[in-house]
């Protein structure tokens, strides 16, 4: 397929996923990253959901992730030392992907980078800090460090919360920042917890009056998240010995541990005003930020890449009108606001913004020890699920169930049998419509539609 490559700013998981997704359609990409090389930065986005794993498996890099990851069997929620409820994650069919796994983002990125290195369509340039952007009717020109210019057909900003591309486009990033901070430590230790469970605590003895989350990780590591006052400084916690005491209260007095990574930061709830400006688009944290309780950040970003990939490929090839790209913003921005609502509700419950909110939260949590009704109102994070697009009837606008085989059609579309009828499946795995007539004509109709959105 001729023509300039698609430029991707940011060599993180979302940028690399998009590059590999485009390679499926023989679209060349140039991935530009300001860093001199991949850096290890602790756990960060730790939880991978089944739909993201399915994408990575399809792209050829899911195997190493699954071999390394910790499969989560359940998530437990406590008030102090009393368990309130437990959510199970069973695998109902043999060979089915786990619903959730824990894997440090470093390993996710490494597997993606290895696959990108094996993919001729992907060119990766480190030390390429973007400083300017120009657009015209035929393409985009990106200026990188040293004044060098790179020409592309489109450019996608996957460069994170402080996105340079978003700033160059002049796109607003409204939302809010939570006052409380969260102190996060990756610790190598023998913990008194099963290694396949996520444990969330309200008002635990180890962090009274606030929350604490404990996650198992590969390499005998555990991630501990403490909700802390807004002025907490991670390095001061380390220097003062307070961090040591925090960890010992979780690990057990006298037990050995090794600190692998430490950070403290506030969480943000933001959605970019626009996700498309001409031939420039935004994806992942450059387009949206959510608090991590619910694992909606990276997993949602992978959905961005999958939704955008097929649209870019078909528009670039001339098989679809340019307006098909508008459907990306329509669908994924809607999904972002759904994620925002879910994570905002969790943060209001975890970190009440007013005295009245705190009174209500404390009443619910304390009462939930005895009341099943109140227990159902405890919010310790609504875990990530695939987005639903349009006015779904339970089938249309949802991903095709993974166990159902699809029959390839044209332009990456497919057909499948579902509930005794045929459906048309988009290249991103979403069911587009029930099929009543010619399947190829139905594809052509979608590609001629104003946005191709469901």
Protein backbone atom coordinates (compact mmCIF):
# COMPACT_ATOMS: atom_id res chain seq x y z
CA UNK A 1 0.00 0.00 0.00
CA UNK A 2 1.63 3.24 -1.12
CA UNK A 3 1.68 6.71 0.34
CA UNK A 4 3.22 8.29 3.43
CA UNK A 5 3.16 6.33 6.70
CA UNK A 6 0.91 7.05 9.65
CA UNK A 7 2.90 8.90 12.33
CA UNK A 8 2.39 7.86 15.95
CA UNK A 9 3.69 10.04 18.76
CA UNK A 10 4.48 7.92 21.82
CA UNK A 11 5.99 4.42 22.05
CA UNK A 12 3.92 3.34 25.04
CA UNK A 13 1.40 0.48 24.99
CA UNK A 14 -1.27 2.45 23.09
CA UNK A 15 1.04 3.76 20.38
CA UNK A 16 2.59 0.33 19.84
CA UNK A 17 -0.82 -1.37 19.80
CA UNK A 18 -1.99 1.07 17.12
CA UNK A 19 1.16 0.51 15.07
CA UNK A 20 0.69 -3.27 15.16
CA UNK A 21 -3.03 -2.91 14.43
CA UNK A 22 -2.25 -0.84 11.33
CA UNK A 23 0.37 -3.37 10.27
CA UNK A 24 -2.48 -5.93 9.98
CA UNK A 25 -3.71 -3.80 7.07
CA UNK A 26 -0.20 -3.35 5.60
CA UNK A 27 -0.11 0.28 6.71
CA UNK A 28 3.43 1.52 7.51
CA UNK A 29 3.92 3.56 10.65
CA UNK A 30 6.67 5.66 12.18
CA UNK A 31 6.53 5.73 15.97
CA UNK A 32 8.23 8.78 17.49
CA UNK A 33 9.18 8.88 21.17
CA UNK A 34 11.03 11.59 23.09
CA UNK A 35 12.75 9.10 25.41
CA UNK A 36 16.20 7.79 24.39
CA UNK A 37 15.02 4.20 25.07
CA UNK A 38 12.41 2.15 26.91
CA UNK A 39 12.61 2.81 30.65
CA UNK A 40 11.39 0.62 33.50
CA UNK A 41 8.98 2.55 35.68
CA UNK A 42 7.37 0.11 38.09
CA UNK A 43 3.88 -1.29 37.90
CA UNK A 44 1.88 1.71 36.60
CA UNK A 45 -1.05 0.23 34.59
CA UNK A 46 -1.01 -3.20 36.16
CA UNK A 47 -4.37 -4.83 35.36
CA UNK A 48 -5.03 -6.19 31.86
CA UNK A 49 -8.64 -7.10 31.07
CA UNK A 50 -9.69 -9.98 28.84
CA UNK A 51 -10.58 -7.77 25.86
CA UNK A 52 -7.12 -6.14 25.91
CA UNK A 53 -5.45 -9.56 26.23
CA UNK A 54 -7.46 -10.78 23.24
CA UNK A 55 -6.10 -7.86 21.21
CA UNK A 56 -2.53 -8.62 22.23
CA UNK A 57 -2.96 -12.33 21.39
CA UNK A 58 -4.34 -11.42 17.96
CA UNK A 59 -1.41 -9.07 17.35
CA UNK A 60 1.08 -11.84 18.19
CA UNK A 61 2.46 -10.52 21.48
CA UNK A 62 -0.03 -11.85 24.02
CA UNK A 63 1.80 -15.13 24.65
CA UNK A 64 4.73 -13.65 26.64
CA UNK A 65 2.30 -11.50 28.65
CA UNK A 66 0.15 -14.49 29.61
CA UNK A 67 3.21 -16.56 30.53
CA UNK A 68 4.48 -13.84 32.87
CA UNK A 69 1.24 -12.48 34.32
CA UNK A 70 -0.53 -13.33 37.57
CA UNK A 71 -4.06 -14.53 36.81
CA UNK A 72 -6.58 -12.97 39.19
CA UNK A 73 -9.16 -15.41 40.54
CA UNK A 74 -11.05 -13.00 42.78
CA UNK A 75 -11.25 -9.51 44.24
CA UNK A 76 -12.01 -9.08 47.95
CA UNK A 77 -13.23 -5.92 49.67
CA UNK A 78 -12.90 -5.29 53.42
CA UNK A 79 -13.98 -2.83 56.08
CA UNK A 80 -11.09 -2.87 58.53
CA UNK A 81 -10.49 -6.63 59.01
CA UNK A 82 -14.01 -7.73 58.04
CA UNK A 83 -14.62 -9.02 54.51
CA UNK A 84 -17.64 -7.32 52.91
CA UNK A 85 -17.81 -9.22 49.63
CA UNK A 86 -15.77 -11.19 47.12
CA UNK A 87 -16.05 -11.06 43.31
CA UNK A 88 -14.97 -14.28 41.57
CA UNK A 89 -13.37 -14.39 38.09
CA UNK A 90 -13.88 -18.00 36.96
CA UNK A 91 -12.85 -19.33 33.57
CA UNK A 92 -16.00 -20.98 32.31
CA UNK A 93 -14.57 -22.67 29.19
CA UNK A 94 -11.31 -24.53 28.59
CA UNK A 95 -8.75 -22.32 26.88
CA UNK A 96 -10.69 -19.15 27.67
CA UNK A 97 -8.58 -16.09 28.36
CA UNK A 98 -8.60 -14.97 32.01
CA UNK A 99 -10.91 -12.09 32.81
CA UNK A 100 -8.12 -10.11 34.48
CA UNK A 101 -4.38 -10.54 34.94
CA UNK A 102 -1.81 -8.46 36.78
CA UNK A 103 1.34 -7.55 34.87
CA UNK A 104 3.71 -4.64 35.36
CA UNK A 105 3.43 -2.26 32.40
CA UNK A 106 7.15 -2.69 31.71
CA UNK A 107 6.50 -6.29 30.59
CA UNK A 108 3.49 -5.26 28.51
CA UNK A 109 5.61 -2.66 26.71
CA UNK A 110 8.51 -5.10 26.26
CA UNK A 111 6.28 -7.69 24.57
CA UNK A 112 4.80 -5.02 22.28
CA UNK A 113 8.26 -3.69 21.42
CA UNK A 114 9.53 -7.19 20.59
CA UNK A 115 6.61 -7.72 18.23
CA UNK A 116 7.11 -4.28 16.68
CA UNK A 117 10.77 -5.12 16.05
CA UNK A 118 9.63 -8.22 14.13
CA UNK A 119 7.13 -6.21 12.07
CA UNK A 120 8.60 -4.58 8.93
CA UNK A 121 5.73 -2.08 8.72
CA UNK A 122 6.70 -0.49 12.06
CA UNK A 123 9.65 1.94 12.31
CA UNK A 124 10.52 3.13 15.82
CA UNK A 125 12.54 6.30 16.46
CA UNK A 126 13.74 7.04 19.99
CA UNK A 127 14.95 10.48 21.00
CA UNK A 128 12.45 12.07 18.60
CA UNK A 129 10.86 14.86 20.62
CA UNK A 130 8.05 16.49 18.65
CA UNK A 131 8.21 20.31 18.60
CA UNK A 132 5.83 21.36 15.83
CA UNK A 133 3.11 20.15 13.49
CA UNK A 134 1.78 21.31 10.13
CA UNK A 135 -1.17 19.96 8.18
CA UNK A 136 -2.31 20.29 4.56
CA UNK A 137 -4.79 18.53 2.31
CA UNK A 138 -2.38 15.71 1.46
CA UNK A 139 -0.85 14.94 4.84
CA UNK A 140 0.98 16.10 7.97
CA UNK A 141 4.52 17.21 8.72
CA UNK A 142 5.94 16.70 12.21
CA UNK A 143 9.05 18.57 13.33
CA UNK A 144 11.26 16.69 15.78
CA UNK A 145 14.33 17.58 17.84
CA UNK A 146 17.07 19.18 15.78
CA UNK A 147 14.64 20.57 13.21
CA UNK A 148 14.23 17.32 11.27
CA UNK A 149 10.87 16.83 9.59
CA UNK A 150 8.87 13.64 9.19
CA UNK A 151 6.06 13.44 6.65
CA UNK A 152 2.99 11.29 7.16
CA UNK A 153 -0.56 10.77 5.96
CA UNK A 154 -2.01 11.16 9.49
CA UNK A 155 -0.59 11.63 12.97
CA UNK A 156 -1.92 10.13 16.22
CA UNK A 157 -0.94 11.44 19.64
CA UNK A 158 -0.47 8.53 22.03
CA UNK A 159 1.94 10.53 24.17
CA UNK A 160 0.16 10.43 27.50
CA UNK A 161 -1.33 12.81 30.01
CA UNK A 162 1.08 15.66 29.17
CA UNK A 163 0.60 15.16 25.44
CA UNK A 164 2.75 17.44 23.30
CA UNK A 165 0.57 16.76 20.27
CA UNK A 166 -2.59 17.74 22.14
CA UNK A 167 -0.94 21.01 23.17
CA UNK A 168 0.23 21.70 19.61
CA UNK A 169 -3.33 21.19 18.40
CA UNK A 170 -4.64 23.60 21.02
CA UNK A 171 -7.13 21.04 22.33
CA UNK A 172 -8.48 21.61 25.83
CA UNK A 173 -8.30 18.90 28.49
CA UNK A 174 -11.03 19.79 31.01
CA UNK A 175 -11.77 17.84 34.15
CA UNK A 176 -10.62 17.72 37.74
CA UNK A 177 -7.72 16.58 39.91
CA UNK A 178 -8.39 14.74 43.16
CA UNK A 179 -7.01 16.34 46.31
CA UNK A 180 -5.84 13.17 48.07
CA UNK A 181 -2.64 11.55 46.89
CA UNK A 182 -1.91 7.86 46.60
CA UNK A 183 1.42 6.44 47.71
CA UNK A 184 2.28 3.41 45.60
CA UNK A 185 5.07 0.93 46.32
CA UNK A 186 6.15 -2.22 44.51
CA UNK A 187 7.53 -4.51 47.20
CA UNK A 188 9.23 -7.90 46.99
CA UNK A 189 8.12 -9.82 50.05
CA UNK A 190 6.39 -12.91 51.38
CA UNK A 191 2.91 -11.52 52.00
CA UNK A 192 0.21 -13.17 54.13
CA UNK A 193 -2.19 -13.14 51.14
CA UNK A 194 -2.97 -15.60 48.30
CA UNK A 195 -1.17 -14.67 45.09
CA UNK A 196 -4.28 -14.68 42.91
CA UNK A 197 -6.35 -12.10 44.79
CA UNK A 198 -6.80 -8.34 44.72
CA UNK A 199 -7.59 -6.99 48.18
CA UNK A 200 -9.17 -3.60 48.85
CA UNK A 201 -9.50 -2.20 52.39
CA UNK A 202 -11.60 0.64 53.79
CA UNK A 203 -10.19 2.01 57.05
CA UNK A 204 -7.63 -0.79 57.56
CA UNK A 205 -5.42 -0.91 60.69
CA UNK A 206 -2.42 -0.37 58.37
CA UNK A 207 -3.88 2.92 57.03
CA UNK A 208 -6.62 4.08 59.42
CA UNK A 209 -9.27 6.47 58.14
CA UNK A 210 -8.34 5.95 54.47
CA UNK A 211 -8.07 3.10 51.97
CA UNK A 212 -5.45 0.56 50.95
CA UNK A 213 -5.17 -1.76 47.97
CA UNK A 214 -2.89 -4.80 47.68
CA UNK A 215 -2.21 -6.44 44.31
CA UNK A 216 0.00 -9.49 43.54
CA UNK A 217 2.50 -9.11 40.70
CA UNK A 218 5.03 -11.33 38.92
CA UNK A 219 8.61 -11.58 40.26
CA UNK A 220 7.34 -12.09 43.83
CA UNK A 221 6.31 -8.44 43.90
CA UNK A 222 3.26 -6.87 45.49
CA UNK A 223 1.84 -3.47 44.72
CA UNK A 224 0.54 -1.56 47.74
CA UNK A 225 -1.56 1.58 47.23
CA UNK A 226 -2.14 3.76 50.29
CA UNK A 227 -4.53 6.71 50.17
CA UNK A 228 -2.58 9.52 51.89
CA UNK A 229 -2.96 13.26 52.63
CA UNK A 230 -2.54 15.62 49.68
CA UNK A 231 0.83 16.97 50.86
CA UNK A 232 2.53 13.54 51.13
CA UNK A 233 5.94 13.35 49.44
CA UNK A 234 7.23 9.91 48.46
CA UNK A 235 10.92 10.64 49.05
CA UNK A 236 10.21 12.24 52.41
CA UNK A 237 8.24 9.14 53.37
CA UNK A 238 11.31 7.08 52.52
CA UNK A 239 13.82 9.36 54.30
CA UNK A 240 11.76 9.72 57.45
CA UNK A 241 11.23 5.98 57.91
CA UNK A 242 7.44 6.33 57.65
CA UNK A 243 7.44 4.26 54.45
CA UNK A 244 9.31 1.47 56.24
CA UNK A 245 6.68 1.42 58.96
CA UNK A 246 3.86 1.45 56.41
CA UNK A 247 5.32 -1.54 54.57
CA UNK A 248 6.07 -3.47 57.77
CA UNK A 249 2.47 -3.07 58.90
CA UNK A 250 1.36 -4.81 55.69
CA UNK A 251 4.15 -7.37 55.33
CA UNK A 252 4.42 -8.22 59.03
CA UNK A 253 6.83 -6.99 61.69
CA UNK A 254 10.31 -8.40 61.31
CA UNK A 255 9.67 -9.86 57.87
CA UNK A 256 12.10 -9.14 55.03
CA UNK A 257 11.05 -6.98 52.10
CA UNK A 258 12.73 -5.17 49.22
CA UNK A 259 11.41 -1.93 47.75
CA UNK A 260 11.35 -2.16 43.93
CA UNK A 261 9.57 1.11 43.04
CA UNK A 262 7.93 4.04 44.77
CA UNK A 263 5.80 6.96 43.64
CA UNK A 264 3.11 9.29 44.92
CA UNK A 265 0.65 11.08 42.69
CA UNK A 266 -2.83 12.49 42.37
CA UNK A 267 -5.40 11.00 40.07
CA UNK A 268 -7.17 12.96 37.35
CA UNK A 269 -10.53 12.72 35.62
CA UNK A 270 -10.28 14.41 32.22
CA UNK A 271 -11.53 14.03 28.63
CA UNK A 272 -10.11 16.05 25.74
CA UNK A 273 -12.50 18.51 24.06
CA UNK A 274 -11.71 17.07 20.64
CA UNK A 275 -10.10 13.82 19.57
CA UNK A 276 -9.69 14.77 15.92
CA UNK A 277 -8.34 17.95 14.34
CA UNK A 278 -8.04 17.35 10.60
CA UNK A 279 -5.42 14.68 10.04
CA UNK A 280 -4.35 14.63 13.70
CA UNK A 281 -6.01 12.41 16.30
CA UNK A 282 -5.60 11.60 19.99
CA UNK A 283 -5.75 8.24 21.78
CA UNK A 284 -5.12 6.77 25.22
CA UNK A 285 -4.09 9.08 28.06
CA UNK A 286 -3.62 11.93 25.58
CA UNK A 287 -7.40 11.82 25.09
CA UNK A 288 -8.66 10.75 28.51
CA UNK A 289 -7.53 10.25 32.10
CA UNK A 290 -9.34 8.18 34.71
CA UNK A 291 -8.50 7.19 38.25
CA UNK A 292 -7.10 3.64 38.10
CA UNK A 293 -9.65 2.01 40.40
CA UNK A 294 -11.48 -0.14 37.89
CA UNK A 295 -8.52 -0.67 35.52
CA UNK A 296 -10.03 1.54 32.82
CA UNK A 297 -6.98 3.50 31.68
CA UNK A 298 -4.74 1.23 29.62
CA UNK A 299 -7.57 -1.16 28.78
CA UNK A 300 -9.65 1.70 27.39
CA UNK A 301 -6.63 2.99 25.49
CA UNK A 302 -6.23 -0.39 23.79
CA UNK A 303 -9.87 -0.09 22.70
CA UNK A 304 -9.05 3.35 21.28
CA UNK A 305 -6.24 1.87 19.19
CA UNK A 306 -8.38 -1.00 17.88
CA UNK A 307 -11.29 1.30 17.02
CA UNK A 308 -9.05 3.78 15.24
CA UNK A 309 -6.80 1.31 13.41
CA UNK A 310 -9.25 -0.10 10.88
CA UNK A 311 -10.73 3.33 10.19
CA UNK A 312 -7.33 4.87 9.44
CA UNK A 313 -6.37 1.93 7.25
CA UNK A 314 -9.51 2.05 5.10
CA UNK A 315 -9.49 5.84 4.74
CA UNK A 316 -5.78 5.91 3.87
CA UNK A 317 -6.35 3.21 1.21
CA UNK A 318 -9.22 5.15 -0.33
CA UNK A 319 -11.73 2.41 0.53
CA UNK A 320 -13.74 4.72 2.80
CA UNK A 321 -14.60 8.39 3.02
CA UNK A 322 -12.50 10.54 5.37
CA UNK A 323 -15.63 11.00 7.51
CA UNK A 324 -15.21 7.41 8.73
CA UNK A 325 -12.62 8.84 11.15
CA UNK A 326 -15.31 10.94 12.80
CA UNK A 327 -16.87 7.71 14.04
CA UNK A 328 -13.77 7.09 16.13
CA UNK A 329 -14.32 10.28 18.12
CA UNK A 330 -18.08 9.66 18.40
CA UNK A 331 -17.74 6.14 19.75
CA UNK A 332 -14.61 6.38 21.86
CA UNK A 333 -15.41 9.79 23.40
CA UNK A 334 -18.78 8.40 24.44
CA UNK A 335 -16.99 5.40 25.97
CA UNK A 336 -14.61 7.78 27.77
CA UNK A 337 -17.50 9.59 29.44
CA UNK A 338 -18.98 6.25 30.52
CA UNK A 339 -15.63 5.37 32.09
CA UNK A 340 -15.45 8.82 33.64
CA UNK A 341 -18.83 8.37 35.29
CA UNK A 342 -17.85 4.98 36.73
CA UNK A 343 -14.45 6.07 38.03
CA UNK A 344 -15.76 9.39 39.34
CA UNK A 345 -18.36 7.54 41.41
CA UNK A 346 -15.63 5.28 42.80
CA UNK A 347 -13.42 8.23 43.71
CA UNK A 348 -16.31 10.04 45.40
CA UNK A 349 -16.81 6.96 47.53
CA UNK A 350 -13.12 6.34 48.22
CA UNK A 351 -12.13 9.98 48.75
CA UNK A 352 -15.34 11.87 49.72
CA UNK A 353 -15.05 15.50 48.53
CA UNK A 354 -17.22 17.00 51.32
CA UNK A 355 -18.06 16.28 54.95
CA UNK A 356 -21.55 15.19 53.88
CA UNK A 357 -20.15 12.74 51.31
CA UNK A 358 -17.80 11.36 53.96
CA UNK A 359 -20.63 10.90 56.47
CA UNK A 360 -22.70 9.04 53.86
CA UNK A 361 -19.73 6.88 52.81
CA UNK A 362 -18.80 6.00 56.40
CA UNK A 363 -22.41 5.15 57.20
CA UNK A 364 -22.61 2.80 54.20
CA UNK A 365 -19.29 1.09 54.91
CA UNK A 366 -19.91 0.59 58.63
CA UNK A 367 -23.47 -0.57 58.05
CA UNK A 368 -22.44 -2.95 55.27
CA UNK A 369 -20.92 -5.30 57.84
CA UNK A 370 -24.49 -6.23 58.84
CA UNK A 371 -26.62 -5.13 55.85
CA UNK A 372 -26.59 -6.79 52.42
CA UNK A 373 -28.47 -3.78 51.02
CA UNK A 374 -25.70 -1.38 52.11
CA UNK A 375 -23.03 -3.84 51.03
CA UNK A 376 -24.25 -3.54 47.43
CA UNK A 377 -23.62 0.23 47.61
CA UNK A 378 -19.94 -0.14 48.58
CA UNK A 379 -17.82 1.00 45.61
CA UNK A 380 -14.26 -0.30 45.54
CA UNK A 381 -13.96 -0.01 41.75
CA UNK A 382 -16.23 -1.20 38.93
CA UNK A 383 -13.81 -3.27 36.89
CA UNK A 384 -13.28 -2.62 33.19
CA UNK A 385 -15.60 -4.12 30.57
CA UNK A 386 -15.61 -3.59 26.78
CA UNK A 387 -17.46 -0.49 25.62
CA UNK A 388 -20.98 -0.71 24.24
CA UNK A 389 -21.67 1.49 21.21
CA UNK A 390 -25.00 2.88 20.09
CA UNK A 391 -28.41 1.74 21.27
CA UNK A 392 -27.39 -1.87 21.82
CA UNK A 393 -30.04 -4.59 21.62
CA UNK A 394 -27.74 -6.94 23.53
CA UNK A 395 -25.89 -7.92 20.33
CA UNK A 396 -25.39 -4.93 18.03
CA UNK A 397 -22.76 -2.52 19.31
CA UNK A 398 -21.03 -5.17 21.41
CA UNK A 399 -17.96 -7.34 20.71
CA UNK A 400 -18.61 -10.66 19.03
CA UNK A 401 -18.25 -13.36 21.73
CA UNK A 402 -14.71 -14.73 21.52
CA UNK A 403 -15.81 -18.36 21.19
CA UNK A 404 -17.83 -17.69 18.02
CA UNK A 405 -15.89 -18.18 14.77
CA UNK A 406 -16.07 -15.43 12.16
CA UNK A 407 -15.87 -15.83 8.39
CA UNK A 408 -13.63 -13.24 6.67
CA UNK A 409 -15.32 -10.94 4.19
CA UNK A 410 -13.76 -7.77 2.70
CA UNK A 411 -11.83 -4.82 4.16
CA UNK A 412 -11.32 -6.69 7.44
CA UNK A 413 -15.05 -7.22 8.00
CA UNK A 414 -16.48 -10.67 8.69
CA UNK A 415 -19.75 -12.53 9.15
CA UNK A 416 -20.73 -14.85 11.97
CA UNK A 417 -23.70 -16.88 13.15
CA UNK A 418 -25.28 -15.64 16.36
CA UNK A 419 -28.60 -16.74 17.91
CA UNK A 420 -29.53 -18.54 14.71
CA UNK A 421 -28.97 -15.48 12.47
CA UNK A 422 -26.06 -13.98 10.58
CA UNK A 423 -24.38 -10.79 11.76
CA UNK A 424 -21.85 -8.45 10.19
CA UNK A 425 -18.71 -7.97 12.30
CA UNK A 426 -16.47 -4.91 11.99
CA UNK A 427 -12.66 -5.19 11.82
CA UNK A 428 -12.49 -4.21 15.52
CA UNK A 429 -14.59 -7.26 16.45
CA UNK A 430 -17.82 -5.35 17.12
CA UNK A 431 -21.13 -6.60 15.75
CA UNK A 432 -22.29 -3.93 13.30
CA UNK A 433 -25.74 -5.20 12.26
CA UNK A 434 -27.97 -8.17 11.65
CA UNK A 435 -27.53 -9.37 8.06
CA UNK A 436 -30.64 -9.50 5.93
CA UNK A 437 -29.12 -9.38 2.45
CA UNK A 438 -25.78 -9.20 0.66
CA UNK A 439 -22.91 -8.92 3.17
CA UNK A 440 -20.54 -6.99 0.89
CA UNK A 441 -23.27 -4.48 0.12
CA UNK A 442 -23.74 -4.00 3.87
CA UNK A 443 -20.00 -3.28 4.24
CA UNK A 444 -20.13 -0.75 1.41
CA UNK A 445 -23.09 0.95 3.08
CA UNK A 446 -21.17 1.32 6.35
CA UNK A 447 -18.15 2.74 4.56
CA UNK A 448 -20.34 5.30 2.79
CA UNK A 449 -22.12 6.35 6.00
CA UNK A 450 -21.22 9.77 7.48
CA UNK A 451 -19.09 8.31 10.30
CA UNK A 452 -19.45 4.53 10.32
CA UNK A 453 -20.46 4.78 13.98
CA UNK A 454 -22.95 2.38 15.53
